[in-house]
Amino acid sequence: MTPPLRNLLLSTVLIALPATGFTMTEVFLLPPAPAASAQASPGLGDVTAYSAIVSDTQAIAATGDLTAAEQRITDLETLWDQNAGALRQQDRAAWGAVDGAADDAFSALRAPRPDPARVAATLAALQGALAHPVPAAANGPVQHVNGIAVTDESGRALPCEDLVGQLQDSLSTRTASAQVADLLSRALERCTADDDARADAFAAQGLSLIQG
């Protein structure tokens, strides 16, 4: 190999070594990128509008005007119900956690004599559920009425819309008996009043009669 060619090759190697060394340093010293969690919950998306209504309600309740606070929380109920189907589909567990907290706040503000301390506590819990909609930990077996589940593993009543919907679907292809029709009517009335537990019980009784 001639001296000029040897010098050219040597120069090329000396130039390439630092770049190669830097690349190898990156490979061996940089920590691996964290893997995305396959178990991550999709969540409920942007809940800013709901949270803003709760904040307004808290501010109004803090003044002592619980009547006005109840009127403002009704805006949340309307908006939440409008989007309930899509929210349940997006993340059923997160929806259930927020829905339960919302029902508690509605009940506190709509009591015959609202307790300011309970109102404040339920509104704070609702705001927390919106920020971190994690369902309660399991604390007991699922409850049943006539063999039909009416609660989840945490003991929370299932969304009444689900069981009432199942009962209505079951009646779409048959004529309801007077007893089943009465149970459906009671379930609908209690579901409209946000009384999931009793609505579920009525709906479960109706379903059990149809299923025999």
N, C-alpha and C. Protein backbone atom coordinates (compact mmCIF):
# COMPACT_ATOMS: atom_id res chain seq x y z
N MET A 1 0.86 -1.20 0.00
CA MET A 1 0.00 0.00 0.00
C MET A 1 0.89 1.24 0.00
N THR A 2 0.64 2.15 -0.89
CA THR A 2 1.46 3.34 -1.02
C THR A 2 1.23 4.25 0.17
N PRO A 3 2.25 5.04 0.55
CA PRO A 3 2.10 5.97 1.69
C PRO A 3 0.92 6.91 1.55
N PRO A 4 0.66 7.51 0.37
CA PRO A 4 -0.50 8.42 0.29
C PRO A 4 -1.82 7.71 0.59
N LEU A 5 -1.94 6.46 0.06
CA LEU A 5 -3.20 5.72 0.29
C LEU A 5 -3.33 5.34 1.75
N ARG A 6 -2.16 4.92 2.37
CA ARG A 6 -2.18 4.56 3.79
C ARG A 6 -2.59 5.76 4.62
N ASN A 7 -2.10 6.93 4.32
CA ASN A 7 -2.44 8.14 5.09
C ASN A 7 -3.93 8.48 4.93
N LEU A 8 -4.47 8.28 3.73
CA LEU A 8 -5.89 8.58 3.50
C LEU A 8 -6.77 7.67 4.34
N LEU A 9 -6.40 6.35 4.36
CA LEU A 9 -7.20 5.41 5.14
C LEU A 9 -7.10 5.70 6.63
N LEU A 10 -5.92 6.06 7.10
CA LEU A 10 -5.72 6.37 8.51
C LEU A 10 -6.54 7.58 8.91
N SER A 11 -6.57 8.57 8.05
CA SER A 11 -7.36 9.78 8.34
C SER A 11 -8.85 9.45 8.44
N THR A 12 -9.30 8.59 7.52
CA THR A 12 -10.71 8.21 7.52
C THR A 12 -11.08 7.49 8.80
N VAL A 13 -10.20 6.57 9.27
CA VAL A 13 -10.46 5.82 10.50
C VAL A 13 -10.49 6.74 11.71
N LEU A 14 -9.53 7.68 11.78
CA LEU A 14 -9.46 8.58 12.93
C LEU A 14 -10.69 9.49 13.01
N ILE A 15 -11.22 9.87 11.84
CA ILE A 15 -12.41 10.72 11.82
C ILE A 15 -13.63 9.92 12.24
N ALA A 16 -13.69 8.66 11.80
CA ALA A 16 -14.88 7.85 12.06
C ALA A 16 -14.96 7.39 13.50
N LEU A 17 -13.81 7.18 14.19
CA LEU A 17 -13.82 6.64 15.54
C LEU A 17 -14.61 7.47 16.54
N PRO A 18 -14.44 8.80 16.62
CA PRO A 18 -15.21 9.57 17.61
C PRO A 18 -16.71 9.44 17.41
N ALA A 19 -17.14 9.48 16.13
CA ALA A 19 -18.58 9.38 15.87
C ALA A 19 -19.09 8.02 16.29
N THR A 20 -18.31 6.95 15.98
CA THR A 20 -18.72 5.61 16.35
C THR A 20 -18.76 5.46 17.85
N GLY A 21 -17.73 6.02 18.53
CA GLY A 21 -17.68 5.93 19.98
C GLY A 21 -18.86 6.61 20.62
N PHE A 22 -19.26 7.77 20.08
CA PHE A 22 -20.39 8.51 20.63
C PHE A 22 -21.68 7.71 20.47
N THR A 23 -21.80 7.06 19.29
CA THR A 23 -22.98 6.25 19.05
C THR A 23 -23.06 5.10 20.02
N MET A 24 -21.93 4.43 20.25
CA MET A 24 -21.91 3.30 21.17
C MET A 24 -22.20 3.75 22.59
N THR A 25 -21.71 4.96 22.94
CA THR A 25 -21.97 5.48 24.28
C THR A 25 -23.47 5.68 24.48
N GLU A 26 -24.12 6.19 23.41
CA GLU A 26 -25.56 6.40 23.49
C GLU A 26 -26.28 5.08 23.69
N VAL A 27 -25.83 4.05 22.98
CA VAL A 27 -26.50 2.76 23.04
C VAL A 27 -26.40 2.15 24.42
N PHE A 28 -25.21 2.24 25.04
CA PHE A 28 -24.98 1.52 26.28
C PHE A 28 -25.26 2.34 27.54
N LEU A 29 -25.21 3.67 27.44
CA LEU A 29 -25.36 4.48 28.64
C LEU A 29 -26.73 5.10 28.81
N LEU A 30 -27.43 5.37 27.70
CA LEU A 30 -28.73 6.00 27.84
C LEU A 30 -29.75 4.97 28.30
N PRO A 31 -30.63 5.34 29.25
CA PRO A 31 -31.64 4.39 29.74
C PRO A 31 -32.66 4.12 28.64
N PRO A 32 -33.25 2.92 28.65
CA PRO A 32 -34.25 2.61 27.63
C PRO A 32 -35.49 3.47 27.82
N ALA A 33 -36.15 3.78 26.73
CA ALA A 33 -37.37 4.58 26.83
C ALA A 33 -38.45 3.77 27.52
N PRO A 34 -39.22 4.40 28.41
CA PRO A 34 -40.25 3.65 29.12
C PRO A 34 -41.31 3.13 28.15
N ALA A 35 -41.72 1.90 28.37
CA ALA A 35 -42.75 1.31 27.51
C ALA A 35 -44.11 1.84 27.91
N ALA A 36 -44.97 1.99 26.92
CA ALA A 36 -46.33 2.45 27.21
C ALA A 36 -47.07 1.34 27.92
N SER A 37 -47.87 1.71 28.91
CA SER A 37 -48.62 0.74 29.68
C SER A 37 -49.80 0.22 28.89
N ALA A 38 -49.86 -1.07 28.70
CA ALA A 38 -50.97 -1.65 27.96
C ALA A 38 -52.24 -1.64 28.80
N GLN A 39 -52.07 -1.48 30.13
CA GLN A 39 -53.21 -1.52 31.02
C GLN A 39 -53.79 -0.13 31.28
N ALA A 40 -53.23 0.90 30.67
CA ALA A 40 -53.68 2.27 30.94
C ALA A 40 -55.15 2.44 30.57
N SER A 41 -55.88 3.12 31.45
CA SER A 41 -57.29 3.37 31.19
C SER A 41 -57.43 4.57 30.27
N PRO A 42 -58.36 4.52 29.32
CA PRO A 42 -58.52 5.66 28.42
C PRO A 42 -59.04 6.90 29.14
N GLY A 43 -59.69 6.73 30.30
CA GLY A 43 -60.22 7.88 31.03
C GLY A 43 -61.42 8.48 30.33
N LEU A 44 -61.86 9.62 30.83
CA LEU A 44 -63.06 10.27 30.31
C LEU A 44 -62.75 11.43 29.38
N GLY A 45 -61.47 11.67 29.11
CA GLY A 45 -61.13 12.78 28.22
C GLY A 45 -61.19 14.11 28.95
N ASP A 46 -61.56 15.14 28.23
CA ASP A 46 -61.59 16.49 28.77
C ASP A 46 -62.84 16.69 29.65
N VAL A 47 -62.63 16.85 30.94
CA VAL A 47 -63.76 17.03 31.87
C VAL A 47 -63.81 18.46 32.40
N THR A 48 -63.16 19.38 31.68
CA THR A 48 -63.09 20.77 32.14
C THR A 48 -64.46 21.39 32.35
N ALA A 49 -65.39 21.13 31.44
CA ALA A 49 -66.72 21.73 31.54
C ALA A 49 -67.44 21.26 32.80
N TYR A 50 -67.31 19.98 33.12
CA TYR A 50 -67.95 19.45 34.33
C TYR A 50 -67.31 20.03 35.58
N SER A 51 -65.98 20.06 35.58
CA SER A 51 -65.25 20.56 36.73
C SER A 51 -65.57 22.03 37.00
N ALA A 52 -65.76 22.81 35.91
CA ALA A 52 -66.07 24.24 36.07
C ALA A 52 -67.43 24.42 36.75
N ILE A 53 -68.39 23.58 36.40
CA ILE A 53 -69.71 23.68 37.03
C ILE A 53 -69.62 23.33 38.51
N VAL A 54 -68.85 22.30 38.84
CA VAL A 54 -68.68 21.92 40.24
C VAL A 54 -68.00 23.05 41.02
N SER A 55 -67.00 23.68 40.42
CA SER A 55 -66.32 24.81 41.08
C SER A 55 -67.29 25.95 41.34
N ASP A 56 -68.14 26.25 40.35
CA ASP A 56 -69.15 27.29 40.54
C ASP A 56 -70.09 26.93 41.68
N THR A 57 -70.51 25.68 41.72
CA THR A 57 -71.43 25.22 42.76
C THR A 57 -70.78 25.33 44.14
N GLN A 58 -69.51 24.96 44.22
CA GLN A 58 -68.80 25.08 45.49
C GLN A 58 -68.73 26.53 45.96
N ALA A 59 -68.46 27.43 45.03
CA ALA A 59 -68.35 28.85 45.38
C ALA A 59 -69.70 29.39 45.86
N ILE A 60 -70.78 28.97 45.19
CA ILE A 60 -72.11 29.42 45.59
C ILE A 60 -72.49 28.83 46.94
N ALA A 61 -72.21 27.54 47.13
CA ALA A 61 -72.54 26.89 48.40
C ALA A 61 -71.79 27.53 49.56
N ALA A 62 -70.57 27.98 49.29
CA ALA A 62 -69.76 28.61 50.35
C ALA A 62 -70.39 29.91 50.85
N THR A 63 -71.25 30.52 50.04
CA THR A 63 -71.94 31.75 50.47
C THR A 63 -73.15 31.43 51.34
N GLY A 64 -73.53 30.15 51.38
CA GLY A 64 -74.70 29.75 52.16
C GLY A 64 -75.98 29.65 51.35
N ASP A 65 -75.94 30.03 50.08
CA ASP A 65 -77.15 29.97 49.24
C ASP A 65 -77.21 28.59 48.58
N LEU A 66 -77.73 27.62 49.32
CA LEU A 66 -77.75 26.25 48.82
C LEU A 66 -78.83 26.06 47.75
N THR A 67 -79.83 26.91 47.74
CA THR A 67 -80.84 26.84 46.68
C THR A 67 -80.22 27.18 45.33
N ALA A 68 -79.44 28.25 45.31
CA ALA A 68 -78.75 28.63 44.07
C ALA A 68 -77.71 27.58 43.69
N ALA A 69 -77.07 26.98 44.70
CA ALA A 69 -76.07 25.94 44.42
C ALA A 69 -76.74 24.73 43.78
N GLU A 70 -77.93 24.39 44.26
CA GLU A 70 -78.65 23.26 43.68
C GLU A 70 -79.03 23.55 42.23
N GLN A 71 -79.39 24.79 41.96
CA GLN A 71 -79.74 25.17 40.59
C GLN A 71 -78.53 25.05 39.67
N ARG A 72 -77.37 25.43 40.18
CA ARG A 72 -76.17 25.35 39.35
C ARG A 72 -75.74 23.90 39.10
N ILE A 73 -75.87 23.04 40.12
CA ILE A 73 -75.45 21.66 39.94
C ILE A 73 -76.37 20.93 38.95
N THR A 74 -77.58 21.46 38.77
CA THR A 74 -78.49 20.88 37.78
C THR A 74 -77.91 21.00 36.37
N ASP A 75 -77.12 22.04 36.13
CA ASP A 75 -76.46 22.19 34.83
C ASP A 75 -75.50 21.03 34.59
N LEU A 76 -74.83 20.61 35.67
CA LEU A 76 -73.93 19.46 35.55
C LEU A 76 -74.72 18.20 35.24
N GLU A 77 -75.83 18.02 35.95
CA GLU A 77 -76.66 16.83 35.73
C GLU A 77 -77.12 16.75 34.28
N THR A 78 -77.55 17.88 33.74
CA THR A 78 -78.04 17.91 32.36
C THR A 78 -76.92 17.56 31.38
N LEU A 79 -75.76 18.19 31.56
CA LEU A 79 -74.63 17.95 30.66
C LEU A 79 -74.12 16.52 30.78
N TRP A 80 -74.04 16.03 32.00
CA TRP A 80 -73.55 14.68 32.26
C TRP A 80 -74.47 13.64 31.62
N ASP A 81 -75.78 13.84 31.78
CA ASP A 81 -76.74 12.89 31.21
C ASP A 81 -76.71 12.92 29.69
N GLN A 82 -76.49 14.10 29.11
CA GLN A 82 -76.43 14.20 27.65
C GLN A 82 -75.29 13.36 27.08
N ASN A 83 -74.20 13.28 27.82
CA ASN A 83 -73.00 12.60 27.33
C ASN A 83 -72.79 11.22 27.96
N ALA A 84 -73.75 10.78 28.76
CA ALA A 84 -73.57 9.55 29.54
C ALA A 84 -73.22 8.35 28.66
N GLY A 85 -73.94 8.17 27.56
CA GLY A 85 -73.69 7.01 26.71
C GLY A 85 -72.26 6.96 26.20
N ALA A 86 -71.78 8.08 25.70
CA ALA A 86 -70.42 8.12 25.15
C ALA A 86 -69.38 7.96 26.26
N LEU A 87 -69.63 8.56 27.41
CA LEU A 87 -68.67 8.47 28.52
C LEU A 87 -68.58 7.05 29.05
N ARG A 88 -69.71 6.37 29.17
CA ARG A 88 -69.70 4.98 29.63
C ARG A 88 -68.93 4.09 28.66
N GLN A 89 -69.12 4.35 27.39
CA GLN A 89 -68.42 3.56 26.38
C GLN A 89 -66.92 3.81 26.43
N GLN A 90 -66.53 5.04 26.73
CA GLN A 90 -65.12 5.41 26.74
C GLN A 90 -64.37 4.77 27.89
N ASP A 91 -64.95 4.82 29.08
CA ASP A 91 -64.31 4.21 30.25
C ASP A 91 -65.39 3.97 31.29
N ARG A 92 -65.90 2.75 31.31
CA ARG A 92 -67.04 2.42 32.16
C ARG A 92 -66.72 2.61 33.65
N ALA A 93 -65.54 2.17 34.08
CA ALA A 93 -65.18 2.28 35.49
C ALA A 93 -65.07 3.74 35.92
N ALA A 94 -64.41 4.55 35.09
CA ALA A 94 -64.25 5.97 35.42
C ALA A 94 -65.61 6.67 35.44
N TRP A 95 -66.45 6.33 34.46
CA TRP A 95 -67.79 6.93 34.43
C TRP A 95 -68.57 6.58 35.70
N GLY A 96 -68.49 5.31 36.11
CA GLY A 96 -69.21 4.88 37.30
C GLY A 96 -68.76 5.61 38.55
N ALA A 97 -67.45 5.84 38.67
CA ALA A 97 -66.92 6.53 39.85
C ALA A 97 -67.44 7.97 39.91
N VAL A 98 -67.40 8.67 38.78
CA VAL A 98 -67.87 10.05 38.75
C VAL A 98 -69.38 10.11 38.90
N ASP A 99 -70.09 9.19 38.26
CA ASP A 99 -71.55 9.19 38.32
C ASP A 99 -72.03 8.99 39.76
N GLY A 100 -71.36 8.10 40.48
CA GLY A 100 -71.73 7.87 41.87
C GLY A 100 -71.47 9.10 42.74
N ALA A 101 -70.33 9.74 42.51
CA ALA A 101 -70.01 10.96 43.27
C ALA A 101 -71.00 12.08 42.95
N ALA A 102 -71.41 12.16 41.69
CA ALA A 102 -72.38 13.18 41.29
C ALA A 102 -73.72 12.94 41.96
N ASP A 103 -74.16 11.67 42.01
CA ASP A 103 -75.43 11.35 42.66
C ASP A 103 -75.41 11.75 44.13
N ASP A 104 -74.26 11.53 44.79
CA ASP A 104 -74.14 11.92 46.20
C ASP A 104 -74.29 13.43 46.36
N ALA A 105 -73.69 14.19 45.45
CA ALA A 105 -73.79 15.66 45.52
C ALA A 105 -75.22 16.12 45.25
N PHE A 106 -75.87 15.50 44.25
CA PHE A 106 -77.26 15.86 43.96
C PHE A 106 -78.14 15.61 45.18
N SER A 107 -77.95 14.44 45.80
CA SER A 107 -78.76 14.09 46.97
C SER A 107 -78.54 15.06 48.12
N ALA A 108 -77.29 15.45 48.33
CA ALA A 108 -76.97 16.37 49.42
C ALA A 108 -77.63 17.72 49.21
N LEU A 109 -77.60 18.22 47.99
CA LEU A 109 -78.17 19.54 47.71
C LEU A 109 -79.69 19.51 47.62
N ARG A 110 -80.26 18.34 47.34
CA ARG A 110 -81.72 18.25 47.18
C ARG A 110 -82.42 17.67 48.40
N ALA A 111 -81.68 17.51 49.47
CA ALA A 111 -82.30 17.05 50.72
C ALA A 111 -83.30 18.10 51.20
N PRO A 112 -84.35 17.69 51.93
CA PRO A 112 -85.33 18.66 52.45
C PRO A 112 -84.66 19.80 53.22
N ARG A 113 -83.64 19.45 53.99
CA ARG A 113 -82.86 20.46 54.72
C ARG A 113 -81.38 20.18 54.47
N PRO A 114 -80.83 20.70 53.41
CA PRO A 114 -79.42 20.40 53.07
C PRO A 114 -78.47 20.75 54.20
N ASP A 115 -77.55 19.85 54.47
CA ASP A 115 -76.52 20.06 55.49
C ASP A 115 -75.30 20.68 54.80
N PRO A 116 -74.93 21.90 55.14
CA PRO A 116 -73.81 22.56 54.47
C PRO A 116 -72.52 21.74 54.49
N ALA A 117 -72.27 21.06 55.61
CA ALA A 117 -71.04 20.27 55.71
C ALA A 117 -71.07 19.09 54.74
N ARG A 118 -72.23 18.43 54.64
CA ARG A 118 -72.36 17.29 53.72
C ARG A 118 -72.29 17.78 52.28
N VAL A 119 -72.90 18.92 52.00
CA VAL A 119 -72.84 19.48 50.65
C VAL A 119 -71.39 19.74 50.26
N ALA A 120 -70.65 20.38 51.16
CA ALA A 120 -69.25 20.70 50.87
C ALA A 120 -68.43 19.43 50.65
N ALA A 121 -68.69 18.41 51.49
CA ALA A 121 -67.92 17.17 51.38
C ALA A 121 -68.21 16.44 50.07
N THR A 122 -69.50 16.38 49.69
CA THR A 122 -69.84 15.66 48.46
C THR A 122 -69.36 16.39 47.22
N LEU A 123 -69.39 17.72 47.26
CA LEU A 123 -68.88 18.49 46.11
C LEU A 123 -67.37 18.31 45.97
N ALA A 124 -66.67 18.29 47.11
CA ALA A 124 -65.22 18.07 47.07
C ALA A 124 -64.91 16.67 46.54
N ALA A 125 -65.70 15.70 46.97
CA ALA A 125 -65.50 14.32 46.48
C ALA A 125 -65.77 14.23 44.98
N LEU A 126 -66.78 14.95 44.52
CA LEU A 126 -67.10 14.96 43.09
C LEU A 126 -65.97 15.60 42.29
N GLN A 127 -65.45 16.69 42.79
CA GLN A 127 -64.33 17.34 42.11
C GLN A 127 -63.13 16.41 42.06
N GLY A 128 -62.90 15.70 43.16
CA GLY A 128 -61.80 14.74 43.18
C GLY A 128 -62.00 13.59 42.23
N ALA A 129 -63.25 13.12 42.12
CA ALA A 129 -63.54 12.02 41.20
C ALA A 129 -63.33 12.44 39.76
N LEU A 130 -63.66 13.68 39.44
CA LEU A 130 -63.44 14.18 38.08
C LEU A 130 -61.94 14.26 37.77
N ALA A 131 -61.17 14.67 38.76
CA ALA A 131 -59.72 14.80 38.55
C ALA A 131 -59.05 13.43 38.49
N HIS A 132 -59.52 12.49 39.31
CA HIS A 132 -58.92 11.15 39.37
C HIS A 132 -60.04 10.13 39.46
N PRO A 133 -60.67 9.84 38.33
CA PRO A 133 -61.84 8.94 38.36
C PRO A 133 -61.45 7.47 38.53
N VAL A 134 -60.96 7.14 39.72
CA VAL A 134 -60.57 5.76 39.98
C VAL A 134 -61.68 5.10 40.79
N PRO A 135 -62.19 3.97 40.35
CA PRO A 135 -63.27 3.32 41.08
C PRO A 135 -62.82 2.84 42.44
N ALA A 136 -63.75 2.74 43.37
CA ALA A 136 -63.43 2.29 44.72
C ALA A 136 -62.90 0.86 44.69
N ALA A 137 -62.05 0.56 45.67
CA ALA A 137 -61.50 -0.78 45.74
C ALA A 137 -62.59 -1.78 46.12
N ALA A 138 -62.41 -3.00 45.65
CA ALA A 138 -63.39 -4.03 45.95
C ALA A 138 -63.46 -4.27 47.45
N ASN A 139 -64.66 -4.38 48.01
CA ASN A 139 -64.77 -4.60 49.44
C ASN A 139 -65.83 -5.63 49.78
N GLY A 140 -66.27 -6.39 48.82
CA GLY A 140 -67.25 -7.41 49.14
C GLY A 140 -67.81 -8.04 47.88
N PRO A 141 -68.62 -9.08 48.07
CA PRO A 141 -69.19 -9.76 46.91
C PRO A 141 -70.23 -8.91 46.20
N VAL A 142 -70.43 -9.21 44.94
CA VAL A 142 -71.47 -8.53 44.16
C VAL A 142 -72.83 -8.90 44.74
N GLN A 143 -73.70 -7.92 44.89
CA GLN A 143 -75.04 -8.18 45.42
C GLN A 143 -76.00 -8.50 44.28
N HIS A 144 -76.97 -9.40 44.58
CA HIS A 144 -77.93 -9.84 43.58
C HIS A 144 -79.35 -9.67 44.10
N VAL A 145 -80.26 -9.47 43.17
CA VAL A 145 -81.70 -9.49 43.46
C VAL A 145 -82.30 -10.53 42.52
N ASN A 146 -82.86 -11.58 43.11
CA ASN A 146 -83.44 -12.67 42.32
C ASN A 146 -82.43 -13.23 41.32
N GLY A 147 -81.18 -13.33 41.76
CA GLY A 147 -80.15 -13.91 40.92
C GLY A 147 -79.53 -12.98 39.90
N ILE A 148 -79.94 -11.72 39.89
CA ILE A 148 -79.41 -10.75 38.93
C ILE A 148 -78.55 -9.73 39.67
N ALA A 149 -77.31 -9.53 39.20
CA ALA A 149 -76.38 -8.61 39.86
C ALA A 149 -76.92 -7.18 39.82
N VAL A 150 -76.88 -6.50 40.97
CA VAL A 150 -77.33 -5.11 41.04
C VAL A 150 -76.24 -4.18 41.56
N THR A 151 -75.04 -4.72 41.89
CA THR A 151 -73.91 -3.90 42.31
C THR A 151 -72.65 -4.41 41.62
N ASP A 152 -71.60 -3.57 41.65
CA ASP A 152 -70.29 -4.04 41.19
C ASP A 152 -69.52 -4.57 42.40
N GLU A 153 -68.24 -4.91 42.18
CA GLU A 153 -67.44 -5.51 43.26
C GLU A 153 -67.19 -4.55 44.43
N SER A 154 -67.34 -3.25 44.19
CA SER A 154 -67.11 -2.27 45.25
C SER A 154 -68.36 -2.05 46.08
N GLY A 155 -69.48 -2.67 45.69
CA GLY A 155 -70.73 -2.48 46.42
C GLY A 155 -71.56 -1.34 45.88
N ARG A 156 -71.07 -0.65 44.86
CA ARG A 156 -71.82 0.46 44.29
C ARG A 156 -72.91 -0.07 43.35
N ALA A 157 -74.10 0.53 43.45
CA ALA A 157 -75.20 0.11 42.58
C ALA A 157 -74.81 0.30 41.12
N LEU A 158 -75.19 -0.66 40.30
CA LEU A 158 -74.93 -0.54 38.87
C LEU A 158 -75.73 0.61 38.29
N PRO A 159 -75.25 1.23 37.22
CA PRO A 159 -76.02 2.32 36.60
C PRO A 159 -77.42 1.82 36.26
N CYS A 160 -78.42 2.50 36.78
CA CYS A 160 -79.79 2.03 36.57
C CYS A 160 -80.16 2.01 35.10
N GLU A 161 -79.53 2.89 34.31
CA GLU A 161 -79.83 2.91 32.87
C GLU A 161 -79.56 1.55 32.22
N ASP A 162 -78.55 0.82 32.75
CA ASP A 162 -78.20 -0.46 32.17
C ASP A 162 -79.28 -1.51 32.41
N LEU A 163 -79.67 -1.68 33.69
CA LEU A 163 -80.66 -2.71 34.00
C LEU A 163 -82.04 -2.35 33.47
N VAL A 164 -82.40 -1.08 33.56
CA VAL A 164 -83.69 -0.67 33.00
C VAL A 164 -83.68 -0.89 31.49
N GLY A 165 -82.55 -0.59 30.85
CA GLY A 165 -82.43 -0.82 29.41
C GLY A 165 -82.58 -2.30 29.06
N GLN A 166 -81.98 -3.16 29.89
CA GLN A 166 -82.11 -4.60 29.65
C GLN A 166 -83.56 -5.04 29.76
N LEU A 167 -84.26 -4.50 30.75
CA LEU A 167 -85.66 -4.85 30.93
C LEU A 167 -86.50 -4.37 29.74
N GLN A 168 -86.24 -3.16 29.29
CA GLN A 168 -86.96 -2.63 28.13
C GLN A 168 -86.68 -3.45 26.87
N ASP A 169 -85.43 -3.85 26.70
CA ASP A 169 -85.08 -4.66 25.53
C ASP A 169 -85.79 -6.02 25.58
N SER A 170 -85.88 -6.58 26.78
CA SER A 170 -86.55 -7.87 26.92
C SER A 170 -88.03 -7.79 26.58
N LEU A 171 -88.61 -6.61 26.79
CA LEU A 171 -90.04 -6.43 26.53
C LEU A 171 -90.32 -6.00 25.09
N SER A 172 -89.26 -5.77 24.33
CA SER A 172 -89.46 -5.29 22.95
C SER A 172 -90.07 -6.35 22.05
N THR A 173 -89.94 -7.62 22.44
CA THR A 173 -90.45 -8.71 21.60
C THR A 173 -91.57 -9.49 22.27
N ARG A 174 -92.08 -8.97 23.39
CA ARG A 174 -93.16 -9.67 24.08
C ARG A 174 -94.05 -8.68 24.80
N THR A 175 -95.22 -9.11 25.17
CA THR A 175 -96.15 -8.26 25.90
C THR A 175 -95.89 -8.39 27.38
N ALA A 176 -95.75 -7.26 28.05
CA ALA A 176 -95.44 -7.29 29.48
C ALA A 176 -96.67 -7.63 30.29
N SER A 177 -96.48 -8.45 31.31
CA SER A 177 -97.57 -8.71 32.25
C SER A 177 -97.79 -7.45 33.08
N ALA A 178 -98.91 -7.39 33.77
CA ALA A 178 -99.20 -6.23 34.59
C ALA A 178 -98.12 -6.04 35.66
N GLN A 179 -97.63 -7.13 36.21
CA GLN A 179 -96.62 -7.05 37.27
C GLN A 179 -95.30 -6.52 36.73
N VAL A 180 -94.89 -7.02 35.57
CA VAL A 180 -93.63 -6.57 34.98
C VAL A 180 -93.74 -5.12 34.53
N ALA A 181 -94.87 -4.75 33.97
CA ALA A 181 -95.08 -3.36 33.55
C ALA A 181 -95.00 -2.42 34.74
N ASP A 182 -95.56 -2.85 35.87
CA ASP A 182 -95.50 -2.02 37.08
C ASP A 182 -94.07 -1.88 37.58
N LEU A 183 -93.32 -2.97 37.54
CA LEU A 183 -91.91 -2.92 37.98
C LEU A 183 -91.09 -2.01 37.07
N LEU A 184 -91.35 -2.07 35.77
CA LEU A 184 -90.65 -1.19 34.83
C LEU A 184 -90.98 0.27 35.14
N SER A 185 -92.23 0.55 35.39
CA SER A 185 -92.63 1.92 35.70
C SER A 185 -91.93 2.42 36.97
N ARG A 186 -91.87 1.57 37.98
CA ARG A 186 -91.20 1.94 39.23
C ARG A 186 -89.70 2.14 39.01
N ALA A 187 -89.12 1.25 38.20
CA ALA A 187 -87.68 1.36 37.93
C ALA A 187 -87.37 2.65 37.20
N LEU A 188 -88.19 3.00 36.22
CA LEU A 188 -87.98 4.24 35.47
C LEU A 188 -88.11 5.46 36.38
N GLU A 189 -89.10 5.44 37.25
CA GLU A 189 -89.31 6.58 38.16
C GLU A 189 -88.13 6.75 39.10
N ARG A 190 -87.62 5.66 39.64
CA ARG A 190 -86.48 5.73 40.58
C ARG A 190 -85.20 6.08 39.84
N CYS A 191 -85.06 5.61 38.61
CA CYS A 191 -83.86 5.93 37.83
C CYS A 191 -83.84 7.42 37.50
N THR A 192 -84.98 7.97 37.15
CA THR A 192 -85.07 9.41 36.86
C THR A 192 -84.71 10.23 38.09
N ALA A 193 -85.01 9.68 39.27
CA ALA A 193 -84.71 10.38 40.52
C ALA A 193 -83.29 10.10 41.02
N ASP A 194 -82.46 9.45 40.17
CA ASP A 194 -81.07 9.13 40.53
C ASP A 194 -80.96 8.16 41.70
N ASP A 195 -81.99 7.35 41.89
CA ASP A 195 -81.98 6.33 42.95
C ASP A 195 -81.63 5.00 42.30
N ASP A 196 -80.34 4.83 41.98
CA ASP A 196 -79.90 3.65 41.23
C ASP A 196 -80.22 2.35 41.97
N ALA A 197 -80.02 2.34 43.28
CA ALA A 197 -80.19 1.10 44.04
C ALA A 197 -81.61 0.56 43.92
N ARG A 198 -82.59 1.40 44.16
CA ARG A 198 -83.98 0.93 44.09
C ARG A 198 -84.41 0.68 42.65
N ALA A 199 -83.94 1.51 41.73
CA ALA A 199 -84.26 1.28 40.32
C ALA A 199 -83.72 -0.07 39.86
N ASP A 200 -82.50 -0.39 40.28
CA ASP A 200 -81.90 -1.67 39.91
C ASP A 200 -82.71 -2.83 40.50
N ALA A 201 -83.16 -2.66 41.74
CA ALA A 201 -83.93 -3.73 42.39
C ALA A 201 -85.23 -3.99 41.64
N PHE A 202 -85.92 -2.93 41.26
CA PHE A 202 -87.18 -3.11 40.51
C PHE A 202 -86.91 -3.76 39.15
N ALA A 203 -85.88 -3.26 38.46
CA ALA A 203 -85.56 -3.79 37.14
C ALA A 203 -85.15 -5.26 37.23
N ALA A 204 -84.37 -5.61 38.25
CA ALA A 204 -83.94 -7.00 38.42
C ALA A 204 -85.13 -7.91 38.68
N GLN A 205 -86.09 -7.44 39.47
CA GLN A 205 -87.28 -8.24 39.71
C GLN A 205 -88.05 -8.48 38.41
N GLY A 206 -88.18 -7.43 37.61
CA GLY A 206 -88.86 -7.57 36.33
C GLY A 206 -88.15 -8.54 35.40
N LEU A 207 -86.82 -8.45 35.33
CA LEU A 207 -86.05 -9.35 34.49
C LEU A 207 -86.18 -10.79 34.94
N SER A 208 -86.16 -10.99 36.26
CA SER A 208 -86.27 -12.36 36.77
C SER A 208 -87.63 -12.98 36.44
N LEU A 209 -88.68 -12.17 36.46
CA LEU A 209 -90.00 -12.68 36.10
C LEU A 209 -90.05 -13.09 34.63
N ILE A 210 -89.41 -12.28 33.77
CA ILE A 210 -89.40 -12.59 32.34
C ILE A 210 -88.57 -13.84 32.07
N GLN A 211 -87.45 -13.95 32.76
CA GLN A 211 -86.55 -15.08 32.53
C GLN A 211 -87.07 -16.36 33.16
N GLY A 212 -88.03 -16.21 34.07
CA GLY A 212 -88.64 -17.40 34.70
C GLY A 212 -87.73 -18.01 35.74
